[in-house]
Amino acid sequence: MEILILLAGEEGYREDAVKSLRRMPKSVVLGVCGATDSSSDLLGRLAKLFSRNEEFLEKIIVNPTCDDAAVSFVASLPFPSLLEIIGRNQMRLARAPVIVANLKKNPAAPASVLRLWEEEMERRQRQATREEAAADETEDMPPIPAVLVEDMEEKGAGEEEETTPAVEEKRETIQQLLRSMTAGQKVALAGKGNTEVRKILVRDKNRLVCVKVLQNPRITDSEVEQYAKSTNVSDDVLRFIGSKREWSKLVPVVRALVQNPKTPLGLSLTHLKRMSVRELDGLSKNRNIPEALRKSAKKLHKVKSAKKNQ
């Protein structure tokens, strides 16, 4: 297929090459469109060649290898379901304004997609304002109390912990101290705080505080897995976890992100290919996750099941 794509761009070969490409079996084209080892250039050319085939285009835009240029092209086409998928990947939209521009110009773009982006822009603006204010407050900080830094006698995140009066007293003290802190003080603490402090601050409404928790050098893989499972953390926490390479290599973390209904759709789709056949089957029946993710899981389950039975 790559050879035919190249020939389609050459005078004298174009017509025959395009005819051959269009006669390719559907299963072959779908396989190439969804393969993670397909080059971004190949996917972009296929998107233009099969610009009227919604099924092929969906495979292309959810492929993690697909670049912004190909997605931008699909964003100009009249397929509302594909525009919905593109519009929900806020991380890609933020880094590629041309995709947003094509969505806004496209009369087929669902109003919900455009509204979601506008809300995201407003959220980012509010967030930037809060972060700026928090950064100013970090100057001339008083010393951090030891109870917020020194770890208590406890087991790792997600395990059974022995609760004693002394531990409960320390937790109550931590809660009281955090309630009296400004945003700037929380930011400063997030990068140094102990396990108990991290559990609380990772759920803070201020993005800068949450992200600073994830940058704490004392954070453990088991903690990250618990955060990835949680529906009480913000989208920013899940995005940060999913974008950090060392955590993306951990299967339990990736599994938690994909199965978490709060994880941004683009991030879930990116990691979906790493799920096992059994996990994909469960996701395809899970009504709590986004519909686009459930459908993609169902399709990928069929593909992986077929390969497994060969």
C-alpha atoms as a PDB file:
ATOM      1  CA  MET A   1       0.000   0.000   0.000  1.00  0.00           C
ATOM      2  CA  GLU A   2       2.865   2.380   0.754  1.00  0.00           C
ATOM      3  CA  ILE A   3       4.292   1.745  -2.726  1.00  0.00           C
ATOM      4  CA  LEU A   4       0.928   2.403  -4.357  1.00  0.00           C
ATOM      5  CA  ILE A   5       0.551   5.619  -2.346  1.00  0.00           C
ATOM      6  CA  LEU A   6       3.935   6.790  -3.626  1.00  0.00           C
ATOM      7  CA  LEU A   7       3.054   5.852  -7.213  1.00  0.00           C
ATOM      8  CA  ALA A   8      -0.227   7.758  -6.894  1.00  0.00           C
ATOM      9  CA  GLY A   9       1.851  10.901  -6.662  1.00  0.00           C
ATOM     10  CA  GLU A  10       3.830  10.201  -9.838  1.00  0.00           C
ATOM     11  CA  GLU A  11       2.841  11.214 -13.349  1.00  0.00           C
ATOM     12  CA  GLY A  12       2.135   8.205 -15.532  1.00  0.00           C
ATOM     13  CA  TYR A  13       1.334   5.919 -12.583  1.00  0.00           C
ATOM     14  CA  ARG A  14      -1.269   7.967 -10.736  1.00  0.00           C
ATOM     15  CA  GLU A  15      -4.450   6.618 -12.356  1.00  0.00           C
ATOM     16  CA  ASP A  16      -3.550   2.919 -12.109  1.00  0.00           C
ATOM     17  CA  ALA A  17      -2.195   3.311  -8.573  1.00  0.00           C
ATOM     18  CA  VAL A  18      -5.361   5.007  -7.326  1.00  0.00           C
ATOM     19  CA  LYS A  19      -7.530   2.329  -8.964  1.00  0.00           C
ATOM     20  CA  SER A  20      -5.483  -0.386  -7.266  1.00  0.00           C
ATOM     21  CA  LEU A  21      -5.761   1.356  -3.910  1.00  0.00           C
ATOM     22  CA  ARG A  22      -9.518   1.666  -4.204  1.00  0.00           C
ATOM     23  CA  ARG A  23      -9.772  -2.061  -5.023  1.00  0.00           C
ATOM     24  CA  MET A  24      -7.889  -2.996  -1.853  1.00  0.00           C
ATOM     25  CA  PRO A  25      -9.902  -5.269   0.487  1.00  0.00           C
ATOM     26  CA  LYS A  26     -11.613  -3.298   3.241  1.00  0.00           C
ATOM     27  CA  SER A  27      -9.918  -5.356   5.956  1.00  0.00           C
ATOM     28  CA  VAL A  28      -6.479  -4.499   4.552  1.00  0.00           C
ATOM     29  CA  VAL A  29      -7.175  -0.755   4.449  1.00  0.00           C
ATOM     30  CA  LEU A  30      -8.628  -0.790   7.967  1.00  0.00           C
ATOM     31  CA  GLY A  31      -5.585  -2.679   9.184  1.00  0.00           C
ATOM     32  CA  VAL A  32      -3.170  -0.124   7.747  1.00  0.00           C
ATOM     33  CA  CYS A  33      -5.245   2.827   8.983  1.00  0.00           C
ATOM     34  CA  GLY A  34      -5.228   1.447  12.517  1.00  0.00           C
ATOM     35  CA  ALA A  35      -1.662   0.111  12.633  1.00  0.00           C
ATOM     36  CA  THR A  36       0.600   2.027  14.994  1.00  0.00           C
ATOM     37  CA  ASP A  37       3.586   1.349  12.737  1.00  0.00           C
ATOM     38  CA  SER A  38       1.941   3.163   9.816  1.00  0.00           C
ATOM     39  CA  SER A  39       3.790   6.426   9.185  1.00  0.00           C
ATOM     40  CA  SER A  40       2.027   9.734   9.757  1.00  0.00           C
ATOM     41  CA  ASP A  41       2.680  10.606   6.096  1.00  0.00           C
ATOM     42  CA  LEU A  42       0.966   7.406   4.952  1.00  0.00           C
ATOM     43  CA  LEU A  43      -2.039   8.060   7.206  1.00  0.00           C
ATOM     44  CA  GLY A  44      -2.330  11.624   5.879  1.00  0.00           C
ATOM     45  CA  ARG A  45      -2.309  10.425   2.274  1.00  0.00           C
ATOM     46  CA  LEU A  46      -4.872   7.708   3.049  1.00  0.00           C
ATOM     47  CA  ALA A  47      -7.154  10.274   4.698  1.00  0.00           C
ATOM     48  CA  LYS A  48      -7.196  12.314   1.491  1.00  0.00           C
ATOM     49  CA  LEU A  49      -7.588   9.263  -0.757  1.00  0.00           C
ATOM     50  CA  PHE A  50     -10.496   7.866   1.274  1.00  0.00           C
ATOM     51  CA  SER A  51     -11.979  11.217   2.286  1.00  0.00           C
ATOM     52  CA  ARG A  52     -15.508   9.884   1.735  1.00  0.00           C
ATOM     53  CA  ASN A  53     -15.110   6.759   3.845  1.00  0.00           C
ATOM     54  CA  GLU A  54     -16.074   7.560   7.434  1.00  0.00           C
ATOM     55  CA  GLU A  55     -14.982   4.166   8.778  1.00  0.00           C
ATOM     56  CA  PHE A  56     -11.444   4.482   7.392  1.00  0.00           C
ATOM     57  CA  LEU A  57     -11.156   8.076   8.584  1.00  0.00           C
ATOM     58  CA  GLU A  58     -12.145   7.155  12.141  1.00  0.00           C
ATOM     59  CA  LYS A  59      -9.407   4.536  12.254  1.00  0.00           C
ATOM     60  CA  ILE A  60      -6.917   7.157  11.091  1.00  0.00           C
ATOM     61  CA  ILE A  61      -7.780   9.931  13.553  1.00  0.00           C
ATOM     62  CA  VAL A  62      -7.743   7.648  16.627  1.00  0.00           C
ATOM     63  CA  ASN A  63      -4.397   6.182  15.568  1.00  0.00           C
ATOM     64  CA  PRO A  64      -1.749   7.688  17.907  1.00  0.00           C
ATOM     65  CA  THR A  65       0.617   7.954  14.920  1.00  0.00           C
ATOM     66  CA  CYS A  66      -1.751  10.306  13.097  1.00  0.00           C
ATOM     67  CA  ASP A  67      -0.342  13.842  13.019  1.00  0.00           C
ATOM     68  CA  ASP A  68      -2.121  17.176  13.441  1.00  0.00           C
ATOM     69  CA  ALA A  69      -2.125  17.880   9.694  1.00  0.00           C
ATOM     70  CA  ALA A  70      -4.216  14.773   8.933  1.00  0.00           C
ATOM     71  CA  VAL A  71      -6.610  15.505  11.796  1.00  0.00           C
ATOM     72  CA  SER A  72      -6.924  19.088  10.575  1.00  0.00           C
ATOM     73  CA  PHE A  73      -7.903  17.802   7.135  1.00  0.00           C
ATOM     74  CA  VAL A  74     -10.566  15.467   8.576  1.00  0.00           C
ATOM     75  CA  ALA A  75     -11.851  18.382  10.683  1.00  0.00           C
ATOM     76  CA  SER A  76     -12.899  20.056   7.435  1.00  0.00           C
ATOM     77  CA  LEU A  77     -15.007  17.084   6.266  1.00  0.00           C
ATOM     78  CA  PRO A  78     -18.800  16.678   6.790  1.00  0.00           C
ATOM     79  CA  PHE A  79     -18.799  13.823   9.324  1.00  0.00           C
ATOM     80  CA  PRO A  80     -20.325  14.910  12.685  1.00  0.00           C
ATOM     81  CA  SER A  81     -19.275  11.724  14.532  1.00  0.00           C
ATOM     82  CA  LEU A  82     -15.630  12.224  13.518  1.00  0.00           C
ATOM     83  CA  LEU A  83     -15.788  15.900  14.436  1.00  0.00           C
ATOM     84  CA  GLU A  84     -17.090  14.846  17.848  1.00  0.00           C
ATOM     85  CA  ILE A  85     -14.038  12.610  18.388  1.00  0.00           C
ATOM     86  CA  ILE A  86     -11.650  15.340  17.217  1.00  0.00           C
ATOM     87  CA  GLY A  87     -13.353  18.009  19.307  1.00  0.00           C
ATOM     88  CA  ARG A  88     -13.051  16.042  22.522  1.00  0.00           C
ATOM     89  CA  ASN A  89      -9.281  15.745  22.287  1.00  0.00           C
ATOM     90  CA  GLN A  90      -8.595  19.047  24.024  1.00  0.00           C
ATOM     91  CA  MET A  91      -4.848  18.424  24.246  1.00  0.00           C
ATOM     92  CA  ARG A  92      -4.533  18.180  20.462  1.00  0.00           C
ATOM     93  CA  LEU A  93      -6.748  21.212  19.880  1.00  0.00           C
ATOM     94  CA  ALA A  94      -4.647  23.269  22.280  1.00  0.00           C
ATOM     95  CA  ARG A  95      -1.432  22.526  20.399  1.00  0.00           C
ATOM     96  CA  ALA A  96      -2.897  22.799  16.873  1.00  0.00           C
ATOM     97  CA  PRO A  97      -5.052  25.949  16.402  1.00  0.00           C
ATOM     98  CA  VAL A  98      -5.572  25.066  12.720  1.00  0.00           C
ATOM     99  CA  ILE A  99      -7.770  22.130  13.803  1.00  0.00           C
ATOM    100  CA  VAL A 100      -9.925  24.476  15.874  1.00  0.00           C
ATOM    101  CA  ALA A 101     -10.154  26.876  12.926  1.00  0.00           C
ATOM    102  CA  ASN A 102     -11.373  24.085  10.624  1.00  0.00           C
ATOM    103  CA  LEU A 103     -13.918  22.923  13.179  1.00  0.00           C
ATOM    104  CA  LYS A 104     -15.298  26.447  13.527  1.00  0.00           C
ATOM    105  CA  LYS A 105     -15.564  26.830   9.753  1.00  0.00           C
ATOM    106  CA  ASN A 106     -17.175  23.425   9.279  1.00  0.00           C
ATOM    107  CA  PRO A 107     -21.005  23.678   9.204  1.00  0.00           C
ATOM    108  CA  ALA A 108     -21.221  19.997  10.148  1.00  0.00           C
ATOM    109  CA  ALA A 109     -19.420  20.516  13.459  1.00  0.00           C
ATOM    110  CA  PRO A 110     -21.771  19.737  16.383  1.00  0.00           C
ATOM    111  CA  ALA A 111     -22.534  22.761  18.544  1.00  0.00           C
ATOM    112  CA  SER A 112     -21.536  20.725  21.602  1.00  0.00           C
ATOM    113  CA  VAL A 113     -17.984  20.359  20.247  1.00  0.00           C
ATOM    114  CA  LEU A 114     -17.543  24.095  19.739  1.00  0.00           C
ATOM    115  CA  ARG A 115     -19.086  24.844  23.115  1.00  0.00           C
ATOM    116  CA  LEU A 116     -16.722  22.353  24.777  1.00  0.00           C
ATOM    117  CA  TRP A 117     -13.711  24.151  23.299  1.00  0.00           C
ATOM    118  CA  GLU A 118     -15.003  27.560  24.389  1.00  0.00           C
ATOM    119  CA  GLU A 119     -15.484  26.240  27.915  1.00  0.00           C
ATOM    120  CA  GLU A 120     -11.964  24.796  27.826  1.00  0.00           C
ATOM    121  CA  MET A 121     -10.552  28.174  26.815  1.00  0.00           C
ATOM    122  CA  GLU A 122     -12.423  29.899  29.630  1.00  0.00           C
ATOM    123  CA  ARG A 123     -11.183  27.263  32.073  1.00  0.00           C
ATOM    124  CA  ARG A 124      -7.585  27.736  30.933  1.00  0.00           C
ATOM    125  CA  GLN A 125      -7.883  31.493  31.334  1.00  0.00           C
ATOM    126  CA  ARG A 126      -9.227  31.168  34.880  1.00  0.00           C
ATOM    127  CA  GLN A 127      -6.525  28.638  35.629  1.00  0.00           C
ATOM    128  CA  ALA A 128      -3.775  30.937  34.340  1.00  0.00           C
ATOM    129  CA  THR A 129      -5.107  33.745  36.520  1.00  0.00           C
ATOM    130  CA  ARG A 130      -5.135  31.501  39.598  1.00  0.00           C
ATOM    131  CA  GLU A 131      -1.633  30.228  38.890  1.00  0.00           C
ATOM    132  CA  GLU A 132      -0.291  33.736  38.516  1.00  0.00           C
ATOM    133  CA  ALA A 133      -1.834  34.729  41.821  1.00  0.00           C
ATOM    134  CA  ALA A 134      -0.537  31.579  43.512  1.00  0.00           C
ATOM    135  CA  ALA A 135       2.989  32.171  42.217  1.00  0.00           C
ATOM    136  CA  ASP A 136       3.005  35.639  43.795  1.00  0.00           C
ATOM    137  CA  GLU A 137       2.002  34.176  47.143  1.00  0.00           C
ATOM    138  CA  THR A 138       4.923  31.743  47.302  1.00  0.00           C
ATOM    139  CA  GLU A 139       7.331  34.558  48.190  1.00  0.00           C
ATOM    140  CA  ASP A 140       8.307  34.980  51.853  1.00  0.00           C
ATOM    141  CA  MET A 141       6.726  31.667  52.858  1.00  0.00           C
ATOM    142  CA  PRO A 142       6.863  30.686  56.560  1.00  0.00           C
ATOM    143  CA  PRO A 143       8.590  27.367  57.462  1.00  0.00           C
ATOM    144  CA  ILE A 144       6.494  24.275  56.672  1.00  0.00           C
ATOM    145  CA  PRO A 145       5.430  22.339  59.818  1.00  0.00           C
ATOM    146  CA  ALA A 146       7.132  18.938  60.165  1.00  0.00           C
ATOM    147  CA  VAL A 147       3.789  17.107  60.378  1.00  0.00           C
ATOM    148  CA  LEU A 148       3.148  18.060  56.734  1.00  0.00           C
ATOM    149  CA  VAL A 149       6.491  16.760  55.493  1.00  0.00           C
ATOM    150  CA  GLU A 150       7.456  13.786  57.626  1.00  0.00           C
ATOM    151  CA  ASP A 151       5.699  10.559  56.644  1.00  0.00           C
ATOM    152  CA  MET A 152       3.555   8.789  59.202  1.00  0.00           C
ATOM    153  CA  GLU A 153       3.910   5.098  59.962  1.00  0.00           C
ATOM    154  CA  GLU A 154       1.704   3.761  57.204  1.00  0.00           C
ATOM    155  CA  LYS A 155       1.676   1.447  54.248  1.00  0.00           C
ATOM    156  CA  GLY A 156       1.606   2.361  50.555  1.00  0.00           C
ATOM    157  CA  ALA A 157      -1.335   3.902  48.725  1.00  0.00           C
ATOM    158  CA  GLY A 158      -4.242   1.534  48.235  1.00  0.00           C
ATOM    159  CA  GLU A 159      -3.163  -0.875  51.019  1.00  0.00           C
ATOM    160  CA  GLU A 160      -4.664  -1.501  54.430  1.00  0.00           C
ATOM    161  CA  GLU A 161      -3.363   0.985  56.988  1.00  0.00           C
ATOM    162  CA  GLU A 162      -3.252   0.557  60.731  1.00  0.00           C
ATOM    163  CA  THR A 163      -5.177   3.406  62.311  1.00  0.00           C
ATOM    164  CA  THR A 164      -4.010   4.497  65.775  1.00  0.00           C
ATOM    165  CA  PRO A 165      -5.026   7.500  67.896  1.00  0.00           C
ATOM    166  CA  ALA A 166      -1.652   9.108  67.153  1.00  0.00           C
ATOM    167  CA  VAL A 167      -2.107   8.697  63.395  1.00  0.00           C
ATOM    168  CA  GLU A 168      -5.665  10.050  63.541  1.00  0.00           C
ATOM    169  CA  GLU A 169      -4.475  13.040  65.564  1.00  0.00           C
ATOM    170  CA  LYS A 170      -1.794  13.795  62.963  1.00  0.00           C
ATOM    171  CA  ARG A 171      -4.334  13.553  60.145  1.00  0.00           C
ATOM    172  CA  GLU A 172      -6.651  15.975  61.892  1.00  0.00           C
ATOM    173  CA  THR A 173      -3.752  18.373  62.403  1.00  0.00           C
ATOM    174  CA  ILE A 174      -2.864  18.121  58.700  1.00  0.00           C
ATOM    175  CA  GLN A 175      -6.470  18.855  57.695  1.00  0.00           C
ATOM    176  CA  GLN A 176      -6.581  21.923  59.930  1.00  0.00           C
ATOM    177  CA  LEU A 177      -3.279  23.277  58.633  1.00  0.00           C
ATOM    178  CA  LEU A 178      -4.284  22.798  54.996  1.00  0.00           C
ATOM    179  CA  ARG A 179      -7.616  24.554  55.547  1.00  0.00           C
ATOM    180  CA  SER A 180      -5.785  27.628  56.808  1.00  0.00           C
ATOM    181  CA  MET A 181      -3.311  27.763  53.899  1.00  0.00           C
ATOM    182  CA  THR A 182      -3.398  30.111  50.911  1.00  0.00           C
ATOM    183  CA  ALA A 183      -3.103  28.803  47.348  1.00  0.00           C
ATOM    184  CA  GLY A 184       0.534  29.834  47.207  1.00  0.00           C
ATOM    185  CA  GLN A 185       1.351  27.989  50.420  1.00  0.00           C
ATOM    186  CA  LYS A 186      -0.312  24.845  49.079  1.00  0.00           C
ATOM    187  CA  VAL A 187       1.751  25.046  45.890  1.00  0.00           C
ATOM    188  CA  ALA A 188       4.947  25.261  47.927  1.00  0.00           C
ATOM    189  CA  LEU A 189       3.841  22.352  50.118  1.00  0.00           C
ATOM    190  CA  ALA A 190       2.670  20.115  47.251  1.00  0.00           C
ATOM    191  CA  GLY A 191       6.218  19.520  46.065  1.00  0.00           C
ATOM    192  CA  LYS A 192       7.453  18.547  49.559  1.00  0.00           C
ATOM    193  CA  GLY A 193       4.445  17.150  51.411  1.00  0.00           C
ATOM    194  CA  ASN A 194       4.117  13.638  52.806  1.00  0.00           C
ATOM    195  CA  THR A 195       1.794  10.880  51.592  1.00  0.00           C
ATOM    196  CA  GLU A 196      -1.240  12.163  53.506  1.00  0.00           C
ATOM    197  CA  VAL A 197      -0.733  15.698  52.208  1.00  0.00           C
ATOM    198  CA  ARG A 198      -0.384  14.431  48.631  1.00  0.00           C
ATOM    199  CA  LYS A 199      -3.645  12.472  48.895  1.00  0.00           C
ATOM    200  CA  ILE A 200      -5.470  15.658  49.832  1.00  0.00           C
ATOM    201  CA  LEU A 201      -3.762  18.217  47.592  1.00  0.00           C
ATOM    202  CA  VAL A 202      -3.986  16.087  44.432  1.00  0.00           C
ATOM    203  CA  ARG A 203      -7.753  16.745  44.601  1.00  0.00           C
ATOM    204  CA  ASP A 204      -7.327  20.506  45.034  1.00  0.00           C
ATOM    205  CA  LYS A 205      -9.267  22.716  42.613  1.00  0.00           C
ATOM    206  CA  ASN A 206      -6.154  24.715  41.763  1.00  0.00           C
ATOM    207  CA  ARG A 207      -4.383  23.045  38.830  1.00  0.00           C
ATOM    208  CA  LEU A 208      -0.983  24.323  39.901  1.00  0.00           C
ATOM    209  CA  VAL A 209      -1.354  22.582  43.266  1.00  0.00           C
ATOM    210  CA  CYS A 210      -2.443  19.270  41.689  1.00  0.00           C
ATOM    211  CA  VAL A 211       0.357  19.207  39.136  1.00  0.00           C
ATOM    212  CA  LYS A 212       2.924  20.133  41.780  1.00  0.00           C
ATOM    213  CA  VAL A 213       1.848  17.053  43.765  1.00  0.00           C
ATOM    214  CA  LEU A 214       2.638  14.879  40.739  1.00  0.00           C
ATOM    215  CA  GLN A 215       6.070  16.501  40.520  1.00  0.00           C
ATOM    216  CA  ASN A 216       6.812  15.644  44.154  1.00  0.00           C
ATOM    217  CA  PRO A 217      10.002  13.497  44.068  1.00  0.00           C
ATOM    218  CA  ARG A 218       8.633  11.264  46.830  1.00  0.00           C
ATOM    219  CA  ILE A 219       5.544  10.169  44.923  1.00  0.00           C
ATOM    220  CA  THR A 220       5.315   6.391  44.319  1.00  0.00           C
ATOM    221  CA  ASP A 221       4.015   4.361  41.368  1.00  0.00           C
ATOM    222  CA  SER A 222       1.248   2.908  43.556  1.00  0.00           C
ATOM    223  CA  GLU A 223       0.080   6.434  44.413  1.00  0.00           C
ATOM    224  CA  VAL A 224       0.013   7.369  40.735  1.00  0.00           C
ATOM    225  CA  GLU A 225      -2.072   4.265  39.977  1.00  0.00           C
ATOM    226  CA  GLN A 226      -4.587   5.244  42.662  1.00  0.00           C
ATOM    227  CA  TYR A 227      -4.822   8.777  41.279  1.00  0.00           C
ATOM    228  CA  ALA A 228      -5.309   7.382  37.751  1.00  0.00           C
ATOM    229  CA  LYS A 229      -8.263   5.320  39.036  1.00  0.00           C
ATOM    230  CA  SER A 230      -9.860   8.185  40.928  1.00  0.00           C
ATOM    231  CA  THR A 231     -12.880  10.071  39.614  1.00  0.00           C
ATOM    232  CA  ASN A 232     -12.314  12.724  42.287  1.00  0.00           C
ATOM    233  CA  VAL A 233      -9.239  14.228  40.646  1.00  0.00           C
ATOM    234  CA  SER A 234      -9.305  16.832  37.885  1.00  0.00           C
ATOM    235  CA  ASP A 235      -8.791  16.216  34.167  1.00  0.00           C
ATOM    236  CA  ASP A 236      -5.452  17.987  34.495  1.00  0.00           C
ATOM    237  CA  VAL A 237      -4.173  15.318  36.892  1.00  0.00           C
ATOM    238  CA  LEU A 238      -5.173  12.520  34.507  1.00  0.00           C
ATOM    239  CA  ARG A 239      -3.661  14.343  31.519  1.00  0.00           C
ATOM    240  CA  PHE A 240      -0.381  14.872  33.369  1.00  0.00           C
ATOM    241  CA  ILE A 241      -0.181  11.213  34.386  1.00  0.00           C
ATOM    242  CA  GLY A 242      -0.953  10.036  30.856  1.00  0.00           C
ATOM    243  CA  SER A 243       1.591  12.352  29.273  1.00  0.00           C
ATOM    244  CA  LYS A 244       4.513  11.376  31.516  1.00  0.00           C
ATOM    245  CA  ARG A 245       6.541   8.737  29.688  1.00  0.00           C
ATOM    246  CA  GLU A 246       7.749   6.785  32.715  1.00  0.00           C
ATOM    247  CA  TRP A 247       4.194   6.351  34.020  1.00  0.00           C
ATOM    248  CA  SER A 248       2.807   5.540  30.566  1.00  0.00           C
ATOM    249  CA  LYS A 249       5.075   2.487  30.563  1.00  0.00           C
ATOM    250  CA  LEU A 250       3.344   1.088  33.660  1.00  0.00           C
ATOM    251  CA  VAL A 251       0.529  -1.253  32.613  1.00  0.00           C
ATOM    252  CA  PRO A 252      -1.545  -0.804  35.834  1.00  0.00           C
ATOM    253  CA  VAL A 253      -1.443   2.986  35.403  1.00  0.00           C
ATOM    254  CA  VAL A 254      -2.442   2.837  31.733  1.00  0.00           C
ATOM    255  CA  ARG A 255      -5.228   0.367  32.535  1.00  0.00           C
ATOM    256  CA  ALA A 256      -6.534   2.667  35.275  1.00  0.00           C
ATOM    257  CA  LEU A 257      -6.543   5.669  32.934  1.00  0.00           C
ATOM    258  CA  VAL A 258      -8.430   3.876  30.148  1.00  0.00           C
ATOM    259  CA  GLN A 259     -11.017   2.466  32.537  1.00  0.00           C
ATOM    260  CA  ASN A 260     -11.548   5.790  34.297  1.00  0.00           C
ATOM    261  CA  PRO A 261     -14.659   7.492  32.783  1.00  0.00           C
ATOM    262  CA  LYS A 262     -13.214  10.895  33.681  1.00  0.00           C
ATOM    263  CA  THR A 263     -10.041  10.466  31.587  1.00  0.00           C
ATOM    264  CA  PRO A 264     -10.073  12.765  28.503  1.00  0.00           C
ATOM    265  CA  LEU A 265     -11.206  10.794  25.445  1.00  0.00           C
ATOM    266  CA  GLY A 266      -8.109  11.489  23.354  1.00  0.00           C
ATOM    267  CA  LEU A 267      -5.874  10.134  26.107  1.00  0.00           C
ATOM    268  CA  SER A 268      -7.991   6.996  26.564  1.00  0.00           C
ATOM    269  CA  LEU A 269      -8.020   6.282  22.830  1.00  0.00           C
ATOM    270  CA  THR A 270      -4.254   6.688  22.656  1.00  0.00           C
ATOM    271  CA  HIS A 271      -3.678   3.990  25.289  1.00  0.00           C
ATOM    272  CA  LEU A 272      -6.554   1.704  24.232  1.00  0.00           C
ATOM    273  CA  LYS A 273      -4.319  -0.447  22.009  1.00  0.00           C
ATOM    274  CA  ARG A 274      -2.391  -1.625  25.068  1.00  0.00           C
ATOM    275  CA  MET A 275      -5.423  -3.287  26.628  1.00  0.00           C
ATOM    276  CA  SER A 276      -5.730  -7.079  26.601  1.00  0.00           C
ATOM    277  CA  VAL A 277      -8.530  -8.901  24.762  1.00  0.00           C
ATOM    278  CA  ARG A 278     -10.317  -9.495  28.064  1.00  0.00           C
ATOM    279  CA  GLU A 279     -10.018  -5.843  29.108  1.00  0.00           C
ATOM    280  CA  LEU A 280     -11.252  -4.667  25.706  1.00  0.00           C
ATOM    281  CA  ASP A 281     -14.280  -6.930  26.032  1.00  0.00           C
ATOM    282  CA  GLY A 282     -15.073  -5.382  29.408  1.00  0.00           C
ATOM    283  CA  LEU A 283     -14.641  -1.847  28.062  1.00  0.00           C
ATOM    284  CA  SER A 284     -16.908  -2.577  25.080  1.00  0.00           C
ATOM    285  CA  LYS A 285     -19.723  -3.355  27.550  1.00  0.00           C
ATOM    286  CA  ASN A 286     -18.984  -0.538  29.985  1.00  0.00           C
ATOM    287  CA  ARG A 287     -21.746   2.089  29.756  1.00  0.00           C
ATOM    288  CA  ASN A 288     -19.945   4.459  32.120  1.00  0.00           C
ATOM    289  CA  ILE A 289     -17.161   5.337  29.668  1.00  0.00           C
ATOM    290  CA  PRO A 290     -17.607   7.645  26.612  1.00  0.00           C
ATOM    291  CA  GLU A 291     -19.491   6.074  23.700  1.00  0.00           C
ATOM    292  CA  ALA A 292     -16.632   6.685  21.250  1.00  0.00           C
ATOM    293  CA  LEU A 293     -14.226   4.822  23.550  1.00  0.00           C
ATOM    294  CA  ARG A 294     -16.662   1.949  24.015  1.00  0.00           C
ATOM    295  CA  LYS A 295     -17.106   1.567  20.243  1.00  0.00           C
ATOM    296  CA  SER A 296     -13.365   1.719  19.618  1.00  0.00           C
ATOM    297  CA  ALA A 297     -12.821  -0.932  22.301  1.00  0.00           C
ATOM    298  CA  LYS A 298     -15.403  -3.152  20.647  1.00  0.00           C
ATOM    299  CA  LYS A 299     -13.732  -2.847  17.243  1.00  0.00           C
ATOM    300  CA  LEU A 300     -10.260  -3.427  18.627  1.00  0.00           C
ATOM    301  CA  HIS A 301     -11.539  -6.426  20.581  1.00  0.00           C
ATOM    302  CA  LYS A 302     -12.729  -8.022  17.338  1.00  0.00           C
ATOM    303  CA  VAL A 303      -9.372  -7.418  15.664  1.00  0.00           C
ATOM    304  CA  LYS A 304      -7.301  -8.765  18.558  1.00  0.00           C
ATOM    305  CA  SER A 305      -9.624 -11.740  19.065  1.00  0.00           C
ATOM    306  CA  ALA A 306      -9.346 -12.662  15.381  1.00  0.00           C
ATOM    307  CA  LYS A 307      -5.532 -12.519  15.524  1.00  0.00           C
ATOM    308  CA  LYS A 308      -5.486 -14.566  18.720  1.00  0.00           C
ATOM    309  CA  ASN A 309      -7.609 -17.302  17.144  1.00  0.00           C
ATOM    310  CA  GLN A 310      -5.552 -17.530  13.957  1.00  0.00           C
END
